[in-house]
C-alpha atoms as a PDB file:
ATOM      1  CA  MET A   1      20.173  -2.685 -12.935  1.00  0.00           C
ATOM      2  CA  LYS A   2      17.789  -4.269 -15.413  1.00  0.00           C
ATOM      3  CA  VAL A   3      14.453  -2.489 -15.766  1.00  0.00           C
ATOM      4  CA  ASP A   4      11.108  -3.304 -17.357  1.00  0.00           C
ATOM      5  CA  LYS A   5      10.049  -0.283 -19.375  1.00  0.00           C
ATOM      6  CA  MET A   6       6.335   0.249 -19.830  1.00  0.00           C
ATOM      7  CA  SER A   7       3.925   2.966 -20.794  1.00  0.00           C
ATOM      8  CA  VAL A   8       1.111   4.049 -18.479  1.00  0.00           C
ATOM      9  CA  SER A   9      -1.750   6.484 -18.929  1.00  0.00           C
ATOM     10  CA  PHE A  10      -3.504   8.609 -16.306  1.00  0.00           C
ATOM     11  CA  ASP A  11      -6.297  11.113 -16.412  1.00  0.00           C
ATOM     12  CA  PRO A  12      -4.724  14.598 -16.436  1.00  0.00           C
ATOM     13  CA  GLU A  13      -5.510  15.456 -12.811  1.00  0.00           C
ATOM     14  CA  LEU A  14      -4.045  12.210 -11.498  1.00  0.00           C
ATOM     15  CA  GLY A  15      -1.000  12.599 -13.725  1.00  0.00           C
ATOM     16  CA  ASP A  16      -0.399  16.084 -12.342  1.00  0.00           C
ATOM     17  CA  ALA A  17      -0.788  14.842  -8.768  1.00  0.00           C
ATOM     18  CA  VAL A  18       1.641  11.962  -9.351  1.00  0.00           C
ATOM     19  CA  ARG A  19       4.259  14.244 -10.921  1.00  0.00           C
ATOM     20  CA  SER A  20       3.868  16.684  -8.041  1.00  0.00           C
ATOM     21  CA  ALA A  21       4.201  13.941  -5.415  1.00  0.00           C
ATOM     22  CA  ALA A  22       7.336  12.577  -7.081  1.00  0.00           C
ATOM     23  CA  ALA A  23       8.855  16.054  -7.250  1.00  0.00           C
ATOM     24  CA  GLN A  24       8.024  16.745  -3.591  1.00  0.00           C
ATOM     25  CA  ALA A  25       9.676  13.445  -2.652  1.00  0.00           C
ATOM     26  CA  GLY A  26      12.722  14.408  -4.713  1.00  0.00           C
ATOM     27  CA  LYS A  27      12.451  11.233  -6.767  1.00  0.00           C
ATOM     28  CA  PRO A  28      12.294  10.507 -10.466  1.00  0.00           C
ATOM     29  CA  LEU A  29       8.751   9.759 -11.597  1.00  0.00           C
ATOM     30  CA  SER A  30       9.582   6.143 -12.447  1.00  0.00           C
ATOM     31  CA  SER A  31      11.092   5.540  -8.986  1.00  0.00           C
ATOM     32  CA  TRP A  32       8.086   7.096  -7.253  1.00  0.00           C
ATOM     33  CA  LEU A  33       5.677   4.976  -9.316  1.00  0.00           C
ATOM     34  CA  ALA A  34       7.713   1.812  -8.657  1.00  0.00           C
ATOM     35  CA  GLU A  35       7.577   2.467  -4.904  1.00  0.00           C
ATOM     36  CA  ALA A  36       3.828   3.133  -5.091  1.00  0.00           C
ATOM     37  CA  ALA A  37       3.270  -0.092  -7.033  1.00  0.00           C
ATOM     38  CA  ALA A  38       5.384  -2.096  -4.571  1.00  0.00           C
ATOM     39  CA  SER A  39       3.428  -0.614  -1.664  1.00  0.00           C
ATOM     40  CA  LYS A  40       0.128  -1.540  -3.308  1.00  0.00           C
ATOM     41  CA  LEU A  41       1.334  -5.103  -3.920  1.00  0.00           C
ATOM     42  CA  ARG A  42       2.412  -5.465  -0.267  1.00  0.00           C
ATOM     43  CA  ALA A  43      -0.964  -4.156   0.925  1.00  0.00           C
ATOM     44  CA  GLU A  44      -2.827  -6.589  -1.331  1.00  0.00           C
ATOM     45  CA  ALA A  45      -0.642  -9.510  -0.188  1.00  0.00           C
ATOM     46  CA  LEU A  46      -1.294  -8.614   3.456  1.00  0.00           C
ATOM     47  CA  ALA A  47      -5.043  -8.327   2.837  1.00  0.00           C
ATOM     48  CA  GLN A  48      -5.046 -11.726   1.121  1.00  0.00           C
ATOM     49  CA  PHE A  49      -3.060 -13.287   3.976  1.00  0.00           C
ATOM     50  CA  LEU A  50      -5.364 -11.796   6.610  1.00  0.00           C
ATOM     51  CA  ALA A  51      -8.478 -12.946   4.750  1.00  0.00           C
ATOM     52  CA  GLY A  52      -7.124 -16.492   4.668  1.00  0.00           C
ATOM     53  CA  TRP A  53      -6.070 -16.358   8.309  1.00  0.00           C
ATOM     54  CA  GLU A  54      -9.464 -15.036   9.386  1.00  0.00           C
ATOM     55  CA  ALA A  55     -11.252 -17.679   7.305  1.00  0.00           C
ATOM     56  CA  GLU A  56      -9.341 -20.343   9.232  1.00  0.00           C
ATOM     57  CA  HIS A  57      -9.176 -18.768  12.701  1.00  0.00           C
ATOM     58  CA  GLY A  58     -11.994 -16.232  12.850  1.00  0.00           C
ATOM     59  CA  VAL A  59     -12.061 -12.464  12.609  1.00  0.00           C
ATOM     60  CA  LEU A  60      -9.361 -10.595  14.511  1.00  0.00           C
ATOM     61  CA  THR A  61     -10.691  -9.005  17.673  1.00  0.00           C
ATOM     62  CA  ALA A  62     -10.269  -5.339  18.540  1.00  0.00           C
ATOM     63  CA  GLU A  63      -7.861  -6.413  21.279  1.00  0.00           C
ATOM     64  CA  GLU A  64      -5.719  -8.395  18.825  1.00  0.00           C
ATOM     65  CA  ILE A  65      -5.597  -5.464  16.422  1.00  0.00           C
ATOM     66  CA  ALA A  66      -4.684  -3.054  19.228  1.00  0.00           C
ATOM     67  CA  ARG A  67      -1.888  -5.379  20.377  1.00  0.00           C
ATOM     68  CA  ALA A  68      -0.509  -5.645  16.846  1.00  0.00           C
ATOM     69  CA  GLU A  69      -0.618  -1.858  16.476  1.00  0.00           C
ATOM     70  CA  ARG A  70       1.305  -1.432  19.737  1.00  0.00           C
ATOM     71  CA  GLU A  71       3.895  -4.069  18.857  1.00  0.00           C
ATOM     72  CA  LEU A  72       4.426  -2.674  15.362  1.00  0.00           C
ATOM     73  CA  GLY A  73       4.290   0.954  16.435  1.00  0.00           C
ATOM     74  CA  VAL A  74       1.603   1.753  13.872  1.00  0.00           C
ATOM     75  CA  ALA A  75      -2.067   2.578  13.792  1.00  0.00           C
ATOM     76  CA  ALA A  76      -4.211   0.539  11.429  1.00  0.00           C
ATOM     77  CA  SER A  77      -6.920   2.296   9.470  1.00  0.00           C
ATOM     78  CA  HIS A  78     -10.246   1.159  10.799  1.00  0.00           C
ATOM     79  CA  THR A  79     -13.027   0.900   8.235  1.00  0.00           C
ATOM     80  CA  ALA A  80     -16.450  -0.655   8.475  1.00  0.00           C
ATOM     81  CA  ALA A  81     -16.711  -3.924   6.581  1.00  0.00           C
END
């Protein structure tokens, strides 16, 4: 598999936490970071999609969010806008 090698820098506390999380997951650091980056990109893509959808159709109602949570088997994090 072809990889894109890069160098990243973290403050020491974050670096320690990332190494610990990767070790607890039983994954190499690079794999753990790649999964975290992919997750962040998916979350940002979803947020961008939802913002566009809401701009066209209006803000999702609490009922619509609850239905989506039930259908997906997840609970969305609810934060004040």
